N, C-alpha and C. Protein backbone atom coordinates (compact mmCIF):
# COMPACT_ATOMS: atom_id res chain seq x y z
N MET A 1 4.11 13.14 18.25
CA MET A 1 5.44 12.80 17.25
C MET A 1 4.78 14.20 16.84
N PRO A 2 6.57 14.77 16.85
CA PRO A 2 6.96 16.00 16.21
C PRO A 2 6.72 16.35 15.34
N VAL A 3 6.46 17.99 15.23
CA VAL A 3 5.98 18.10 13.66
C VAL A 3 7.01 18.60 12.78
N PRO A 4 7.39 18.41 11.85
CA PRO A 4 8.38 18.78 10.80
C PRO A 4 8.98 20.25 11.34
N THR A 5 10.01 20.75 10.81
CA THR A 5 10.50 22.27 10.62
C THR A 5 10.45 22.50 9.68
N ILE A 6 10.25 23.56 9.16
CA ILE A 6 10.55 23.89 7.90
C ILE A 6 12.30 23.82 6.95
N TRP A 7 13.04 23.36 8.05
CA TRP A 7 14.33 23.25 7.47
C TRP A 7 14.84 21.59 6.97
N SER A 8 13.75 21.10 7.47
CA SER A 8 13.80 19.32 6.49
C SER A 8 13.43 19.75 5.68
N TRP A 9 12.50 21.04 5.17
CA TRP A 9 11.26 20.38 4.11
C TRP A 9 12.74 20.96 2.91
N VAL A 10 13.60 22.41 3.40
CA VAL A 10 14.04 23.45 2.60
C VAL A 10 15.33 21.70 1.73
N TYR A 11 15.86 21.74 3.36
CA TYR A 11 16.76 20.41 3.21
C TYR A 11 16.26 19.62 1.77
N GLN A 12 15.82 18.93 2.14
CA GLN A 12 15.16 17.83 1.15
C GLN A 12 14.79 18.40 -0.51
N TYR A 13 14.25 19.67 -0.77
CA TYR A 13 13.63 20.10 -1.51
C TYR A 13 15.03 21.13 -2.54
N SER A 14 16.02 21.88 -1.48
CA SER A 14 17.30 21.63 -2.64
C SER A 14 18.36 20.94 -2.77
N VAL A 15 17.91 20.01 -1.96
CA VAL A 15 19.16 18.74 -2.39
C VAL A 15 18.13 18.56 -3.57
N GLY A 16 17.03 17.38 -4.11
CA GLY A 16 15.97 17.27 -4.76
C GLY A 16 16.24 17.91 -5.56
N GLY A 17 16.23 19.15 -5.53
CA GLY A 17 15.92 20.54 -7.15
C GLY A 17 17.45 20.32 -7.61
N ALA A 18 18.89 19.85 -6.92
CA ALA A 18 19.67 20.10 -7.22
C ALA A 18 20.10 18.85 -8.56
N ILE A 19 19.51 17.75 -8.28
CA ILE A 19 19.82 16.56 -8.49
C ILE A 19 18.89 16.27 -9.44
N PHE A 20 17.43 16.59 -9.99
CA PHE A 20 16.64 17.10 -10.68
C PHE A 20 16.86 17.94 -11.50
N LEU A 21 17.78 19.29 -11.47
CA LEU A 21 18.23 20.02 -11.99
C LEU A 21 19.03 19.40 -13.44
N PHE A 22 19.98 18.46 -12.27
CA PHE A 22 21.74 17.96 -12.98
C PHE A 22 21.05 16.68 -14.71
N GLY A 23 19.64 16.00 -13.91
CA GLY A 23 19.27 15.29 -14.76
C GLY A 23 18.26 15.66 -15.89
N LEU A 24 17.46 17.08 -15.46
CA LEU A 24 16.91 17.94 -16.86
C LEU A 24 18.09 18.23 -17.49
N TYR A 25 19.43 18.67 -17.02
CA TYR A 25 20.83 18.77 -17.69
C TYR A 25 21.25 17.76 -18.78
N LEU A 26 21.21 16.24 -18.00
CA LEU A 26 21.83 15.60 -18.42
C LEU A 26 20.56 14.82 -19.65
N ALA A 27 19.43 15.41 -19.96
CA ALA A 27 18.32 14.64 -20.14
C ALA A 27 18.10 16.10 -22.15
N LEU A 28 18.65 17.20 -21.11
CA LEU A 28 19.02 18.50 -22.75
C LEU A 28 19.75 17.79 -23.31
N ARG A 29 20.96 18.17 -22.88
CA ARG A 29 22.53 17.52 -23.58
C ARG A 29 22.44 16.39 -24.36
N SER A 30 21.78 14.80 -23.99
CA SER A 30 22.15 13.73 -24.84
C SER A 30 21.42 14.28 -25.92
N ASP A 31 19.91 15.41 -26.10
CA ASP A 31 19.19 15.57 -26.84
C ASP A 31 18.56 13.95 -26.97
N SER A 32 17.82 13.73 -26.09
CA SER A 32 16.99 12.32 -25.92
C SER A 32 15.65 12.90 -26.74
N PRO A 33 15.37 11.72 -27.85
CA PRO A 33 14.59 11.89 -28.99
C PRO A 33 13.05 12.04 -28.08
N ASP A 34 12.80 12.12 -27.29
CA ASP A 34 11.41 12.72 -26.47
C ASP A 34 11.42 14.33 -26.50
N MET A 35 12.53 14.81 -26.07
CA MET A 35 12.76 16.31 -26.54
C MET A 35 13.13 17.31 -27.83
N LYS A 36 12.93 16.30 -28.38
CA LYS A 36 12.99 16.99 -30.15
C LYS A 36 11.52 17.85 -30.19
N GLY A 37 11.57 18.97 -31.20
CA GLY A 37 10.41 18.89 -32.28
C GLY A 37 9.80 20.61 -30.81
N LYS A 38 8.87 21.29 -31.55
CA LYS A 38 7.84 21.87 -31.14
C LYS A 38 7.52 21.36 -29.31
N TYR A 39 7.72 20.31 -28.94
CA TYR A 39 6.79 20.37 -27.29
C TYR A 39 8.63 20.38 -26.32
N ARG A 40 9.06 21.01 -26.83
CA ARG A 40 10.23 20.69 -26.00
C ARG A 40 10.07 21.72 -24.92
N VAL A 41 9.41 23.07 -25.31
CA VAL A 41 9.52 24.01 -24.03
C VAL A 41 8.63 23.18 -22.89
N GLY A 42 7.40 22.53 -23.38
CA GLY A 42 5.91 21.85 -23.09
C GLY A 42 6.85 21.35 -22.33
N ILE A 43 7.43 20.00 -22.49
CA ILE A 43 8.22 19.05 -21.64
C ILE A 43 8.55 19.55 -20.81
N ILE A 44 9.83 20.44 -20.60
CA ILE A 44 10.35 21.18 -19.70
C ILE A 44 9.92 22.12 -18.50
N LEU A 45 8.63 22.89 -19.40
CA LEU A 45 7.97 23.46 -18.28
C LEU A 45 7.06 22.67 -16.97
N MET A 46 6.67 21.61 -18.03
CA MET A 46 5.77 20.60 -17.33
C MET A 46 6.30 19.62 -16.20
N LEU A 47 7.62 19.64 -16.28
CA LEU A 47 8.10 18.94 -15.86
C LEU A 47 9.01 19.66 -14.56
N ILE A 48 9.35 21.14 -15.08
CA ILE A 48 9.31 22.00 -13.66
C ILE A 48 8.49 22.60 -12.41
N GLY A 49 7.30 22.46 -13.58
CA GLY A 49 5.83 22.84 -12.65
C GLY A 49 5.71 21.74 -11.34
N GLY A 50 5.64 19.98 -12.43
CA GLY A 50 5.60 19.38 -11.57
C GLY A 50 6.14 19.17 -10.00
N PHE A 51 7.32 19.79 -10.25
CA PHE A 51 8.01 19.59 -8.92
C PHE A 51 8.00 20.68 -8.35
N LEU A 52 7.72 21.53 -8.93
CA LEU A 52 7.36 22.74 -7.95
C LEU A 52 5.41 22.46 -7.01
N PHE A 53 4.95 22.09 -8.09
CA PHE A 53 4.09 21.51 -7.39
C PHE A 53 3.65 20.64 -5.73
N TYR A 54 4.88 19.50 -6.50
CA TYR A 54 4.82 18.50 -4.86
C TYR A 54 5.35 18.79 -4.18
N ALA A 55 6.43 20.18 -4.43
CA ALA A 55 7.29 20.54 -3.50
C ALA A 55 5.60 22.09 -2.64
N LEU A 56 5.70 22.57 -3.10
CA LEU A 56 4.44 23.76 -2.69
C LEU A 56 3.61 22.59 -1.55
N LEU A 57 2.71 21.29 -2.38
CA LEU A 57 2.13 20.88 -1.70
C LEU A 57 2.77 19.66 -0.40
N HIS A 58 3.52 19.41 -0.33
CA HIS A 58 3.97 18.86 0.41
C HIS A 58 4.43 19.75 1.96
N LEU A 59 4.77 21.29 1.13
CA LEU A 59 4.91 21.55 2.52
C LEU A 59 3.73 22.54 3.13
N ALA A 60 2.36 22.62 2.31
CA ALA A 60 1.29 22.66 2.82
C ALA A 60 1.31 21.47 3.58
N PHE A 61 1.28 20.51 3.70
CA PHE A 61 0.96 19.30 3.99
C PHE A 61 2.16 18.86 5.48
N GLN A 62 3.02 19.74 5.12
CA GLN A 62 3.93 19.69 6.60
C GLN A 62 3.90 20.75 7.76
N THR A 63 3.28 22.06 7.48
CA THR A 63 3.91 23.48 7.82
C THR A 63 2.27 23.49 8.00
N VAL A 64 1.45 23.49 7.41
CA VAL A 64 -0.06 23.99 7.63
C VAL A 64 -0.50 23.55 8.66
N MET A 65 -1.04 22.18 7.24
CA MET A 65 -1.99 20.44 7.49
C MET A 65 -2.01 20.25 9.53
N PRO A 66 -0.72 20.04 10.10
CA PRO A 66 -0.86 19.32 11.48
C PRO A 66 -0.89 20.14 12.39
N ARG A 67 -1.31 22.23 11.91
CA ARG A 67 -2.06 22.53 13.04
C ARG A 67 -3.17 22.71 12.57
N LEU A 68 -3.60 22.26 11.67
CA LEU A 68 -5.48 22.63 12.04
C LEU A 68 -6.47 21.71 12.66
């Protein structure tokens, strides 16, 4: 089985990131009830941090782990 290249990861997370940011924009614009109050910044940071965590974890498993 061929090892995927870095470009498949870049494509997946650039398209997925654009969709994620658009969804986050819609959630913020609609002023959804869970996004009010002092926890708003924390929720946004957790969402972005979770996306970055899984993107980096996927990058590690796609590029580094197959070569070990």
